[in-house]
Amino acid sequence: MPTRRCTDPEELGLPELTFAENATTSPFSISLDLAYFDFSNIPRLADGRQSIVMWYAGVSRGRLPNFVRPKPRRTRFMALPDAISLIQAQPLHDVVAVRALRLFRRILTATQPLPIPRDLKPSLPRDERGASNTPNPKDIPCYPASMMLDPIFPVPTPNTTAIVRHSSWSAADFVVRTGVVILDTQQNLVLLASGAKSNTPVTLPRFTQDDDAGRLLRIPLGSLESTCSRLALPRMWKRYQYIDGCELPRAETVLQADATTNPFFVTFKTWWDYKGETIAQSLGRQEITFWYAGAFDASLGAPANYVAVPIAEARTKLDTTDEYAFAALKLCTELLELDKGLCTV
């Protein structure tokens, strides 16, 4: 598990990569890139969104699948240096994949590899492995920027501050959290919790699991999973509208006919484990928060350590104390108001 420590405080106090004694199957890196879903030359436009890529390590169980999209191809094993060189040799190569491979190679070099359990060892010789991979019909064909000969930067909707590309963090530099907007079944009240640290104001609940980010995203309501349920919100997409006199189109949010319990919002900020007078005396990481909606039964009272307040009152409190929670609550309530018929508790 990558961690961080700082060099001599009398020097620059820059953090360096170290490793904890425990192991984890959480992502060893997270990257931001662009994902494109459709193209049009009349008008010339690329329908793209922000892509958040979580990088995991794995062990082959035997036969490797063939990937059939965007065209049939056979998978194969390759040495890490060769794989990095091969990707980099391509025009408009996949930058975030190269960064992930370099970090993975460094982790393997700096740590003692664990023996592969017997039941996970490949059962076939390397040259005999190979199989067809049948895509799930729910899979969405995604074309990364590296496959575009002339990439066009996507236009964000008003709910997004910015779309960026080619940003990557090691596991030592990020913390994954979930934030939740828990409304009562009548959608009049919202749950607030004490701040994550002492002497901080009440805000929307947030949860984290440093040792298992995957489990956190499967159980995003954290300790509230036993007393609250997930709330489905309209699935959001976007469309473009050209305005006279403007070179770029305007991106607008579109609510689709189905609902989803996936995250409806993602925010980024700095998470300070602790702060001192210098960099060497402080430890901060990139905080990535996935926001979910939930519901509780107000007739049973608020869960322990939480308080239920009117939505309007909560928005007034959060507007000056927690801009990220304020934005999440505002978007959630707007989605419910726009189309309550699509949302079910």
Protein backbone atom coordinates (compact mmCIF):
# COMPACT_ATOMS: atom_id res chain seq x y z
CA MET A 1 0.00 0.00 0.00
CA PRO A 2 1.71 3.27 -1.09
CA THR A 3 2.00 5.95 1.59
CA ARG A 4 3.98 9.15 1.89
CA ARG A 5 6.67 10.67 4.06
CA CYS A 6 8.56 13.95 3.83
CA THR A 7 12.28 14.51 3.45
CA ASP A 8 14.38 16.57 5.89
CA PRO A 9 12.24 19.55 7.00
CA GLU A 10 15.31 21.79 6.69
CA GLU A 11 15.35 20.97 2.99
CA LEU A 12 12.34 21.34 0.74
CA GLY A 13 10.21 18.95 2.76
CA LEU A 14 8.93 17.24 -0.37
CA PRO A 15 6.95 14.01 0.08
CA GLU A 16 8.42 10.78 -1.25
CA LEU A 17 6.77 7.46 -2.00
CA THR A 18 7.01 4.81 0.72
CA PHE A 19 5.04 1.63 1.39
CA ALA A 20 2.99 0.48 4.35
CA GLU A 21 3.32 -3.08 5.65
CA ASN A 22 -0.25 -4.01 4.77
CA ALA A 23 -1.53 -4.91 1.31
CA THR A 24 -4.79 -3.83 -0.32
CA THR A 25 -6.85 -4.49 -3.43
CA SER A 26 -7.99 -0.87 -3.62
CA PRO A 27 -7.02 1.19 -6.70
CA PHE A 28 -3.31 1.95 -6.77
CA SER A 29 -3.95 4.99 -8.96
CA ILE A 30 -6.78 7.22 -10.18
CA SER A 31 -6.70 9.19 -13.44
CA LEU A 32 -8.81 11.80 -15.17
CA ASP A 33 -9.16 11.70 -18.93
CA LEU A 34 -11.71 12.35 -21.66
CA ALA A 35 -14.23 9.79 -22.93
CA TYR A 36 -16.04 10.25 -26.23
CA PHE A 37 -19.30 8.54 -27.13
CA ASP A 38 -20.38 9.98 -30.46
CA PHE A 39 -19.01 12.11 -33.28
CA SER A 40 -20.55 14.43 -35.82
CA ASN A 41 -18.96 16.53 -38.54
CA ILE A 42 -22.15 18.46 -39.42
CA PRO A 43 -21.93 20.35 -37.15
CA ARG A 44 -18.40 19.34 -36.12
CA LEU A 45 -18.88 18.17 -32.54
CA ALA A 46 -17.68 15.46 -30.20
CA ASP A 47 -19.96 14.26 -27.42
CA GLY A 48 -17.48 13.82 -24.60
CA ARG A 49 -17.50 13.59 -20.83
CA GLN A 50 -15.03 13.52 -17.97
CA SER A 51 -13.65 10.02 -17.47
CA ILE A 52 -12.56 8.93 -13.97
CA VAL A 53 -10.37 5.83 -14.30
CA MET A 54 -9.56 3.68 -11.25
CA TRP A 55 -6.52 1.45 -11.83
CA TYR A 56 -6.44 -2.00 -10.19
CA ALA A 57 -3.87 -4.79 -10.25
CA GLY A 58 -4.87 -8.35 -11.07
CA VAL A 59 -3.62 -11.87 -11.65
CA SER A 60 -4.60 -13.92 -14.69
CA ARG A 61 -6.63 -17.04 -13.82
CA GLY A 62 -5.91 -18.77 -17.11
CA ARG A 63 -7.36 -18.05 -20.52
CA LEU A 64 -7.25 -14.41 -21.61
CA PRO A 65 -10.24 -12.89 -23.43
CA ASN A 66 -10.24 -11.28 -26.84
CA PHE A 67 -11.67 -7.78 -26.91
CA VAL A 68 -14.03 -7.25 -29.82
CA ARG A 69 -14.48 -3.48 -29.76
CA PRO A 70 -13.65 -1.22 -31.47
CA LYS A 71 -12.30 -4.12 -33.55
CA PRO A 72 -11.41 -7.74 -32.81
CA ARG A 73 -8.00 -8.16 -31.23
CA ARG A 74 -6.15 -10.77 -29.23
CA THR A 75 -4.81 -10.09 -25.76
CA ARG A 76 -1.34 -11.23 -24.79
CA PHE A 77 1.19 -10.96 -22.00
CA MET A 78 4.00 -8.45 -22.41
CA ALA A 79 6.83 -7.22 -20.21
CA LEU A 80 6.02 -3.91 -18.52
CA PRO A 81 8.85 -1.95 -20.22
CA ASP A 82 7.77 -3.31 -23.61
CA ALA A 83 4.12 -2.45 -22.96
CA ILE A 84 5.02 1.10 -21.97
CA SER A 85 7.20 1.53 -25.06
CA LEU A 86 4.52 0.08 -27.34
CA ILE A 87 1.81 2.43 -26.04
CA GLN A 88 4.09 5.47 -26.20
CA ALA A 89 5.06 4.70 -29.80
CA GLN A 90 1.46 5.21 -30.94
CA PRO A 91 0.26 8.62 -32.19
CA LEU A 92 -1.73 10.42 -29.49
CA HIS A 93 -0.88 7.62 -27.07
CA ASP A 94 -2.84 6.90 -23.92
CA VAL A 95 -1.01 9.15 -21.43
CA VAL A 96 -2.88 8.06 -18.29
CA ALA A 97 -2.31 4.36 -19.09
CA VAL A 98 1.44 4.97 -19.40
CA ARG A 99 1.50 6.78 -16.05
CA ALA A 100 -0.40 3.94 -14.40
CA LEU A 101 1.99 1.34 -15.83
CA ARG A 102 5.02 3.31 -14.67
CA LEU A 103 3.64 3.57 -11.15
CA PHE A 104 2.69 -0.12 -11.13
CA ARG A 105 6.21 -1.04 -12.27
CA ARG A 106 7.70 1.08 -9.49
CA ILE A 107 5.47 -0.56 -6.89
CA LEU A 108 6.46 -4.04 -8.08
CA THR A 109 10.16 -3.10 -8.07
CA ALA A 110 10.09 -1.52 -4.62
CA THR A 111 8.06 -4.22 -2.85
CA GLN A 112 8.54 -7.93 -2.37
CA PRO A 113 6.08 -9.69 -4.73
CA LEU A 114 3.68 -11.98 -2.94
CA PRO A 115 3.52 -15.62 -4.12
CA ILE A 116 0.55 -16.35 -6.37
CA PRO A 117 -1.94 -18.69 -4.65
CA ARG A 118 -2.04 -22.12 -6.25
CA ASP A 119 -5.68 -21.79 -7.31
CA LEU A 120 -4.88 -18.56 -9.16
CA LYS A 121 -1.93 -19.85 -11.18
CA PRO A 122 -2.61 -20.12 -14.92
CA SER A 123 -3.54 -23.68 -15.83
CA LEU A 124 -2.49 -23.45 -19.49
CA PRO A 125 0.84 -22.67 -21.18
CA ARG A 126 1.10 -19.05 -22.18
CA ASP A 127 0.91 -19.73 -25.94
CA GLU A 128 -2.32 -21.73 -25.53
CA ARG A 129 -4.28 -19.07 -23.67
CA GLY A 130 -6.91 -17.09 -25.51
CA ALA A 131 -10.67 -16.76 -25.56
CA SER A 132 -13.43 -14.59 -26.94
CA ASN A 133 -14.92 -11.87 -24.75
CA THR A 134 -18.67 -11.33 -25.19
CA PRO A 135 -19.55 -7.71 -24.31
CA ASN A 136 -22.47 -6.99 -22.03
CA PRO A 137 -25.37 -5.38 -23.95
CA LYS A 138 -25.38 -2.61 -21.32
CA ASP A 139 -21.79 -1.68 -22.12
CA ILE A 140 -21.41 1.76 -23.71
CA PRO A 141 -18.85 1.99 -26.52
CA CYS A 142 -16.30 4.52 -25.31
CA TYR A 143 -13.66 6.01 -27.57
CA PRO A 144 -10.70 7.50 -25.64
CA ALA A 145 -9.01 10.66 -26.85
CA SER A 146 -5.97 8.59 -27.85
CA MET A 147 -8.05 7.05 -30.69
CA MET A 148 -9.07 10.40 -32.17
CA LEU A 149 -6.94 11.81 -34.98
CA ASP A 150 -8.28 15.28 -34.26
CA PRO A 151 -9.67 15.39 -30.71
CA ILE A 152 -12.20 18.06 -29.82
CA PHE A 153 -12.45 19.20 -26.21
CA PRO A 154 -15.98 18.49 -24.88
CA VAL A 155 -18.22 21.30 -23.66
CA PRO A 156 -19.41 20.95 -20.01
CA THR A 157 -22.94 21.53 -18.76
CA PRO A 158 -23.66 24.36 -16.27
CA ASN A 159 -23.45 21.91 -13.35
CA THR A 160 -19.75 21.24 -14.09
CA THR A 161 -16.95 23.66 -13.21
CA ALA A 162 -14.36 22.25 -15.64
CA ILE A 163 -13.39 19.19 -17.65
CA VAL A 164 -9.70 18.25 -17.51
CA ARG A 165 -7.48 15.60 -19.06
CA HIS A 166 -4.33 13.67 -18.25
CA SER A 167 -4.37 14.03 -14.45
CA SER A 168 -3.18 11.11 -12.34
CA TRP A 169 -2.73 10.38 -8.64
CA SER A 170 -0.92 7.60 -6.84
CA ALA A 171 -2.80 5.89 -4.01
CA ALA A 172 -0.49 7.78 -1.66
CA ASP A 173 -1.94 11.06 -2.91
CA PHE A 174 -5.70 10.52 -2.98
CA VAL A 175 -8.55 9.53 -0.69
CA VAL A 176 -11.89 8.27 -2.07
CA ARG A 177 -15.03 9.28 -0.19
CA THR A 178 -18.76 9.07 -0.70
CA GLY A 179 -21.09 11.92 0.14
CA VAL A 180 -24.81 11.35 0.62
CA VAL A 181 -27.90 13.53 0.40
CA ILE A 182 -30.42 11.69 2.62
CA LEU A 183 -33.96 13.07 2.32
CA ASP A 184 -37.10 11.99 4.17
CA THR A 185 -39.71 10.15 2.13
CA GLN A 186 -41.74 13.38 1.76
CA GLN A 187 -38.60 15.18 0.54
CA ASN A 188 -38.94 17.99 3.06
CA LEU A 189 -36.06 17.17 5.42
CA VAL A 190 -32.40 16.29 4.92
CA LEU A 191 -29.94 14.60 7.29
CA LEU A 192 -26.92 16.53 8.55
CA ALA A 193 -23.99 15.13 10.50
CA SER A 194 -21.18 16.60 12.56
CA GLY A 195 -18.14 17.61 10.54
CA ALA A 196 -15.50 14.99 9.73
CA LYS A 197 -13.10 16.65 12.17
CA SER A 198 -13.52 18.27 15.58
CA ASN A 199 -14.78 21.84 15.79
CA THR A 200 -16.24 21.70 12.27
CA PRO A 201 -19.85 22.66 11.45
CA VAL A 202 -22.57 20.18 10.63
CA THR A 203 -22.74 19.14 6.99
CA LEU A 204 -23.92 16.34 4.71
CA PRO A 205 -22.62 12.87 5.71
CA ARG A 206 -19.42 11.59 4.10
CA PHE A 207 -17.78 8.18 4.39
CA THR A 208 -14.40 6.68 3.53
CA GLN A 209 -12.55 3.34 3.70
CA ASP A 210 -8.85 3.77 3.03
CA ASP A 211 -8.28 0.02 2.81
CA ASP A 212 -11.12 -0.83 0.38
CA ALA A 213 -12.38 1.90 -1.96
CA GLY A 214 -14.24 -0.69 -4.03
CA ARG A 215 -16.36 -1.79 -1.06
CA LEU A 216 -17.06 1.84 -0.22
CA LEU A 217 -18.53 2.45 -3.68
CA ARG A 218 -20.64 -0.72 -3.37
CA ILE A 219 -22.01 0.46 0.01
CA PRO A 220 -21.97 4.25 -0.48
CA LEU A 221 -24.32 5.07 2.42
CA GLY A 222 -21.76 3.72 4.87
CA SER A 223 -23.14 3.31 8.39
CA LEU A 224 -26.54 4.56 7.15
CA GLU A 225 -27.09 1.54 4.88
CA SER A 226 -29.01 -0.27 7.65
CA THR A 227 -31.44 2.58 8.37
CA CYS A 228 -31.71 4.36 5.01
CA SER A 229 -32.33 3.33 1.42
CA ARG A 230 -30.87 4.59 -1.80
CA LEU A 231 -32.89 7.13 -3.74
CA ALA A 232 -33.02 6.81 -7.53
CA LEU A 233 -32.61 10.04 -9.47
CA PRO A 234 -33.25 10.70 -13.16
CA ARG A 235 -30.33 9.61 -15.31
CA MET A 236 -28.57 12.66 -16.72
CA TRP A 237 -27.24 13.03 -20.24
CA LYS A 238 -26.50 16.12 -22.27
CA ARG A 239 -27.40 17.76 -25.55
CA TYR A 240 -25.92 20.66 -27.46
CA GLN A 241 -27.52 23.83 -28.74
CA TYR A 242 -25.85 26.36 -31.02
CA ILE A 243 -26.35 30.02 -30.16
CA ASP A 244 -26.08 32.73 -32.81
CA GLY A 245 -22.76 34.51 -32.55
CA CYS A 246 -21.10 31.79 -30.47
CA GLU A 247 -18.38 29.56 -31.92
CA LEU A 248 -18.99 26.69 -29.46
CA PRO A 249 -22.36 25.13 -28.70
CA ARG A 250 -23.97 25.27 -25.28
CA ALA A 251 -24.24 22.00 -23.39
CA GLU A 252 -27.53 21.39 -21.59
CA THR A 253 -28.47 18.69 -19.07
CA VAL A 254 -31.11 16.24 -20.27
CA LEU A 255 -33.08 13.94 -17.95
CA GLN A 256 -33.68 10.51 -19.42
CA ALA A 257 -36.79 8.39 -18.90
CA ASP A 258 -35.08 5.93 -16.53
CA ALA A 259 -33.70 6.43 -13.03
CA THR A 260 -30.43 5.32 -11.45
CA THR A 261 -28.77 5.05 -8.04
CA ASN A 262 -25.33 5.82 -9.50
CA PRO A 263 -23.47 8.91 -8.27
CA PHE A 264 -25.13 12.09 -9.54
CA PHE A 265 -22.21 14.37 -8.70
CA VAL A 266 -18.43 14.18 -8.19
CA THR A 267 -16.29 16.77 -6.38
CA PHE A 268 -12.57 17.30 -5.90
CA LYS A 269 -10.87 19.14 -3.04
CA THR A 270 -7.85 18.93 -0.76
CA TRP A 271 -8.12 16.59 2.22
CA TRP A 272 -5.81 17.53 5.07
CA ASP A 273 -4.92 14.67 7.41
CA TYR A 274 -3.17 17.32 9.46
CA LYS A 275 -1.74 20.78 8.85
CA GLY A 276 1.38 22.35 10.30
CA GLU A 277 3.38 25.48 9.72
CA THR A 278 5.36 23.93 6.86
CA ILE A 279 4.80 21.36 4.12
CA ALA A 280 6.98 18.86 6.00
CA GLN A 281 4.71 19.21 9.05
CA SER A 282 1.52 18.70 7.05
CA LEU A 283 -0.09 15.87 5.13
CA GLY A 284 -2.66 16.60 2.45
CA ARG A 285 -4.17 14.48 -0.29
CA GLN A 286 -6.54 14.80 -3.24
CA GLU A 287 -10.07 14.09 -2.04
CA ILE A 288 -12.42 12.56 -4.63
CA THR A 289 -16.02 12.40 -3.43
CA PHE A 290 -18.82 10.52 -5.21
CA TRP A 291 -22.24 11.86 -4.23
CA TYR A 292 -25.30 9.59 -3.86
CA ALA A 293 -28.93 10.20 -2.90
CA GLY A 294 -30.80 8.35 -0.18
CA ALA A 295 -34.03 8.35 1.81
CA PHE A 296 -35.08 7.77 5.43
CA ASP A 297 -38.40 7.43 7.26
CA ALA A 298 -38.85 10.61 9.32
CA SER A 299 -41.61 8.97 11.39
CA LEU A 300 -38.91 6.76 12.96
CA GLY A 301 -36.75 9.77 13.81
CA ALA A 302 -33.30 10.64 12.55
CA PRO A 303 -30.56 8.00 12.91
CA ALA A 304 -28.25 8.31 15.91
CA ASN A 305 -25.69 11.13 15.65
CA TYR A 306 -27.62 12.81 12.83
CA VAL A 307 -30.16 15.62 12.78
CA ALA A 308 -33.00 16.16 10.31
CA VAL A 309 -33.53 19.76 9.25
CA PRO A 310 -35.68 21.43 6.55
CA ILE A 311 -33.97 21.50 3.17
CA ALA A 312 -34.10 25.28 2.94
CA GLU A 313 -32.42 25.63 6.35
CA ALA A 314 -29.72 23.14 5.35
CA ARG A 315 -28.98 25.01 2.15
CA THR A 316 -28.59 28.26 4.10
CA LYS A 317 -26.13 26.60 6.52
CA LEU A 318 -24.09 24.86 3.82
CA ASP A 319 -23.91 27.90 1.54
CA THR A 320 -21.34 29.50 3.85
CA THR A 321 -19.69 26.45 5.44
CA ASP A 322 -19.38 23.67 2.82
CA GLU A 323 -19.62 24.72 -0.83
CA TYR A 324 -19.31 21.13 -2.11
CA ALA A 325 -22.13 19.82 0.06
CA PHE A 326 -24.20 22.87 -0.87
CA ALA A 327 -23.71 22.17 -4.59
CA ALA A 328 -24.62 18.47 -4.13
CA LEU A 329 -27.80 19.26 -2.16
CA LYS A 330 -28.81 21.95 -4.66
CA LEU A 331 -28.39 19.63 -7.65
CA CYS A 332 -30.17 16.74 -5.94
CA THR A 333 -33.24 18.80 -5.03
CA GLU A 334 -33.32 20.37 -8.49
CA LEU A 335 -33.37 16.93 -10.10
CA LEU A 336 -36.26 15.89 -7.88
CA GLU A 337 -38.20 19.04 -8.68
CA LEU A 338 -37.62 18.74 -12.41
CA ASP A 339 -39.13 15.29 -12.66
CA LYS A 340 -40.44 13.73 -9.47
CA GLY A 341 -42.22 11.09 -11.51
CA LEU A 342 -38.92 9.46 -12.42
CA CYS A 343 -37.70 9.13 -8.83
CA THR A 344 -38.78 6.31 -6.56
CA VAL A 345 -37.77 5.60 -2.97
